[in-house]
């Protein structure tokens, strides 16, 4: 149901890179159509222009520990 996709600040040549998804928002245009915005750590964004939303999420692997802790501006 995706009409178009736009990406900004995402290295599309880094195929094995991991993106940390921070937020998903939806801007309704003409119901049920609209734009889905995916916001990633580091400032990357993907915008999907969709006819409607039909979503299924799945975790692709086990969790792993890291010494890094995100520090995002929440204002």
N, C-alpha and C. Protein backbone atom coordinates (compact mmCIF):
# COMPACT_ATOMS: atom_id res chain seq x y z
N UNK A 1 0.81 -1.20 0.00
CA UNK A 1 0.00 0.00 0.00
C UNK A 1 0.86 1.27 0.00
N UNK A 2 2.16 1.16 -0.32
CA UNK A 2 3.07 2.31 -0.33
C UNK A 2 3.13 2.92 -1.72
N UNK A 3 2.81 4.20 -1.82
CA UNK A 3 2.87 4.93 -3.10
C UNK A 3 4.29 5.40 -3.42
N UNK A 4 4.98 5.91 -2.38
CA UNK A 4 6.34 6.40 -2.58
C UNK A 4 7.09 6.37 -1.25
N UNK A 5 8.43 6.47 -1.36
CA UNK A 5 9.29 6.46 -0.18
C UNK A 5 10.38 7.50 -0.38
N UNK A 6 10.68 8.25 0.67
CA UNK A 6 11.78 9.20 0.65
C UNK A 6 12.62 8.96 1.90
N UNK A 7 13.94 9.03 1.74
CA UNK A 7 14.85 8.85 2.87
C UNK A 7 15.80 10.03 2.96
N UNK A 8 16.16 10.40 4.19
CA UNK A 8 17.12 11.47 4.41
C UNK A 8 18.07 11.07 5.53
N UNK A 9 19.35 11.36 5.34
CA UNK A 9 20.39 11.11 6.35
C UNK A 9 20.53 9.64 6.72
N UNK A 10 20.31 8.76 5.74
CA UNK A 10 20.50 7.33 5.94
C UNK A 10 21.47 6.85 4.87
N UNK A 11 22.57 6.21 5.31
CA UNK A 11 23.58 5.71 4.37
C UNK A 11 23.06 4.44 3.71
N UNK A 12 22.53 4.58 2.52
CA UNK A 12 21.95 3.45 1.82
C UNK A 12 23.01 2.53 1.24
N UNK A 13 24.28 2.96 1.24
CA UNK A 13 25.37 2.10 0.78
C UNK A 13 25.89 1.20 1.90
N UNK A 14 25.46 1.43 3.14
CA UNK A 14 25.90 0.64 4.29
C UNK A 14 24.85 -0.44 4.58
N UNK A 15 24.83 -1.47 3.76
CA UNK A 15 23.78 -2.49 3.81
C UNK A 15 23.73 -3.26 5.13
N UNK A 16 24.85 -3.39 5.84
CA UNK A 16 24.86 -4.16 7.09
C UNK A 16 24.69 -3.26 8.32
N UNK A 17 24.49 -1.97 8.13
CA UNK A 17 24.33 -1.06 9.26
C UNK A 17 23.03 -1.34 10.00
N UNK A 18 23.02 -1.07 11.30
CA UNK A 18 21.83 -1.23 12.12
C UNK A 18 21.23 0.15 12.35
N UNK A 19 19.94 0.29 12.10
CA UNK A 19 19.23 1.54 12.37
C UNK A 19 18.42 1.38 13.64
N UNK A 20 18.51 2.37 14.53
CA UNK A 20 17.75 2.34 15.78
C UNK A 20 16.51 3.21 15.60
N UNK A 21 15.36 2.57 15.50
CA UNK A 21 14.09 3.27 15.31
C UNK A 21 13.66 3.92 16.61
N UNK A 22 13.42 5.24 16.57
CA UNK A 22 13.03 5.98 17.77
C UNK A 22 11.54 6.28 17.80
N UNK A 23 10.96 6.59 16.64
CA UNK A 23 9.55 7.00 16.64
C UNK A 23 8.90 6.70 15.30
N UNK A 24 7.60 6.42 15.36
CA UNK A 24 6.77 6.25 14.17
C UNK A 24 5.58 7.19 14.32
N UNK A 25 5.38 8.06 13.34
CA UNK A 25 4.23 8.96 13.38
C UNK A 25 3.47 8.86 12.06
N UNK A 26 2.20 9.29 12.08
CA UNK A 26 1.36 9.23 10.90
C UNK A 26 0.65 10.56 10.73
N UNK A 27 0.77 11.13 9.53
CA UNK A 27 0.05 12.36 9.17
C UNK A 27 -1.02 11.98 8.15
N UNK A 28 -2.27 12.00 8.60
CA UNK A 28 -3.37 11.65 7.70
C UNK A 28 -3.57 12.76 6.68
N UNK A 29 -3.71 12.38 5.40
CA UNK A 29 -3.93 13.35 4.33
C UNK A 29 -5.38 13.29 3.87
N UNK A 30 -5.74 12.22 3.20
CA UNK A 30 -7.13 11.96 2.80
C UNK A 30 -7.46 10.56 3.29
N UNK A 31 -8.19 10.48 4.41
CA UNK A 31 -8.42 9.20 5.09
C UNK A 31 -8.82 8.10 4.11
N UNK A 32 -8.21 6.92 4.23
CA UNK A 32 -7.23 6.50 5.24
C UNK A 32 -5.79 6.73 4.80
N UNK A 33 -5.57 7.45 3.69
CA UNK A 33 -4.22 7.70 3.16
C UNK A 33 -3.48 8.73 4.00
N UNK A 34 -2.15 8.69 3.91
CA UNK A 34 -1.33 9.67 4.62
C UNK A 34 0.14 9.34 4.51
N UNK A 35 0.93 9.94 5.39
CA UNK A 35 2.39 9.76 5.40
C UNK A 35 2.83 9.16 6.73
N UNK A 36 3.59 8.08 6.64
CA UNK A 36 4.20 7.47 7.81
C UNK A 36 5.63 7.99 7.90
N UNK A 37 6.02 8.51 9.05
CA UNK A 37 7.37 9.02 9.28
C UNK A 37 8.09 8.10 10.26
N UNK A 38 9.24 7.58 9.84
CA UNK A 38 10.08 6.75 10.69
C UNK A 38 11.31 7.58 11.06
N UNK A 39 11.53 7.80 12.35
CA UNK A 39 12.64 8.63 12.84
C UNK A 39 13.66 7.72 13.50
N UNK A 40 14.93 7.84 13.09
CA UNK A 40 16.00 6.97 13.59
C UNK A 40 17.03 7.77 14.37
N UNK A 41 17.73 7.09 15.28
CA UNK A 41 18.84 7.71 16.01
C UNK A 41 19.86 8.23 15.01
N UNK A 42 20.45 9.36 15.29
CA UNK A 42 21.43 9.96 14.39
C UNK A 42 20.83 10.90 13.38
N UNK A 43 19.50 11.06 13.39
CA UNK A 43 18.85 12.04 12.51
C UNK A 43 18.31 11.48 11.21
N UNK A 44 18.41 10.19 10.99
CA UNK A 44 17.87 9.60 9.76
C UNK A 44 16.36 9.53 9.79
N UNK A 45 15.74 9.74 8.62
CA UNK A 45 14.28 9.65 8.52
C UNK A 45 13.89 8.94 7.24
N UNK A 46 12.76 8.26 7.31
CA UNK A 46 12.13 7.68 6.13
C UNK A 46 10.68 8.12 6.15
N UNK A 47 10.19 8.58 4.99
CA UNK A 47 8.79 8.97 4.87
C UNK A 47 8.14 8.08 3.82
N UNK A 48 7.06 7.43 4.22
CA UNK A 48 6.31 6.55 3.33
C UNK A 48 4.96 7.18 3.03
N UNK A 49 4.66 7.41 1.76
CA UNK A 49 3.34 7.88 1.36
C UNK A 49 2.49 6.63 1.12
N UNK A 50 1.40 6.46 1.88
CA UNK A 50 0.63 5.21 1.85
C UNK A 50 -0.84 5.46 1.55
N UNK A 51 -1.47 4.42 0.97
CA UNK A 51 -2.92 4.45 0.76
C UNK A 51 -3.65 4.18 2.06
N UNK A 52 -3.08 3.33 2.90
CA UNK A 52 -3.63 3.01 4.21
C UNK A 52 -2.53 2.32 5.01
N UNK A 53 -2.77 2.09 6.29
CA UNK A 53 -1.78 1.43 7.13
C UNK A 53 -2.22 -0.01 7.40
N UNK A 54 -1.38 -0.94 7.02
CA UNK A 54 -1.52 -2.35 7.38
C UNK A 54 -0.14 -2.79 7.84
N UNK A 55 0.04 -3.00 9.14
CA UNK A 55 1.37 -3.19 9.71
C UNK A 55 1.46 -4.47 10.52
N UNK A 56 2.64 -5.09 10.42
CA UNK A 56 2.98 -6.22 11.30
C UNK A 56 4.45 -6.05 11.64
N UNK A 57 4.78 -6.06 12.93
CA UNK A 57 6.16 -5.90 13.38
C UNK A 57 6.66 -7.21 13.96
N UNK A 58 7.94 -7.49 13.75
CA UNK A 58 8.57 -8.67 14.32
C UNK A 58 10.00 -8.34 14.69
N UNK A 59 10.44 -8.84 15.84
CA UNK A 59 11.83 -8.69 16.26
C UNK A 59 12.66 -9.69 15.47
N UNK A 60 13.76 -9.22 14.89
CA UNK A 60 14.56 -10.08 14.01
C UNK A 60 15.62 -10.88 14.74
N UNK A 61 15.81 -10.64 16.01
CA UNK A 61 16.84 -11.39 16.72
C UNK A 61 16.78 -11.12 18.21
N UNK A 62 17.64 -11.79 18.91
CA UNK A 62 17.71 -11.63 20.36
C UNK A 62 18.31 -10.27 20.73
N UNK A 63 17.98 -9.81 21.91
CA UNK A 63 18.55 -8.56 22.41
C UNK A 63 20.03 -8.76 22.71
N UNK A 64 20.81 -7.68 22.62
CA UNK A 64 22.22 -7.76 22.97
C UNK A 64 22.56 -6.59 23.88
N UNK A 65 23.52 -6.81 24.76
CA UNK A 65 23.91 -5.75 25.70
C UNK A 65 24.87 -4.80 25.01
N UNK A 66 24.88 -3.57 25.52
CA UNK A 66 25.77 -2.55 24.97
C UNK A 66 26.12 -1.56 26.09
N UNK A 67 27.33 -1.03 26.08
CA UNK A 67 27.70 -0.02 27.08
C UNK A 67 27.14 1.36 26.70
N UNK A 68 26.64 1.51 25.48
CA UNK A 68 26.12 2.80 25.00
C UNK A 68 24.71 3.05 25.51
N UNK A 69 24.45 4.28 25.91
CA UNK A 69 23.12 4.67 26.34
C UNK A 69 22.72 5.91 25.55
N UNK A 70 21.54 5.88 24.93
CA UNK A 70 21.13 7.03 24.11
C UNK A 70 20.92 8.28 24.96
N UNK A 71 21.24 9.40 24.38
CA UNK A 71 21.01 10.69 25.01
C UNK A 71 20.36 11.59 23.96
N UNK A 72 19.04 11.59 23.94
CA UNK A 72 18.30 12.33 22.92
C UNK A 72 17.65 13.56 23.54
N UNK A 73 17.64 14.63 22.77
CA UNK A 73 16.97 15.84 23.18
C UNK A 73 15.46 15.61 23.06
N UNK A 74 14.75 15.64 24.17
CA UNK A 74 13.32 15.36 24.18
C UNK A 74 12.47 16.61 24.14
N UNK A 75 13.08 17.77 23.94
CA UNK A 75 12.29 19.00 23.95
C UNK A 75 11.61 19.29 22.65
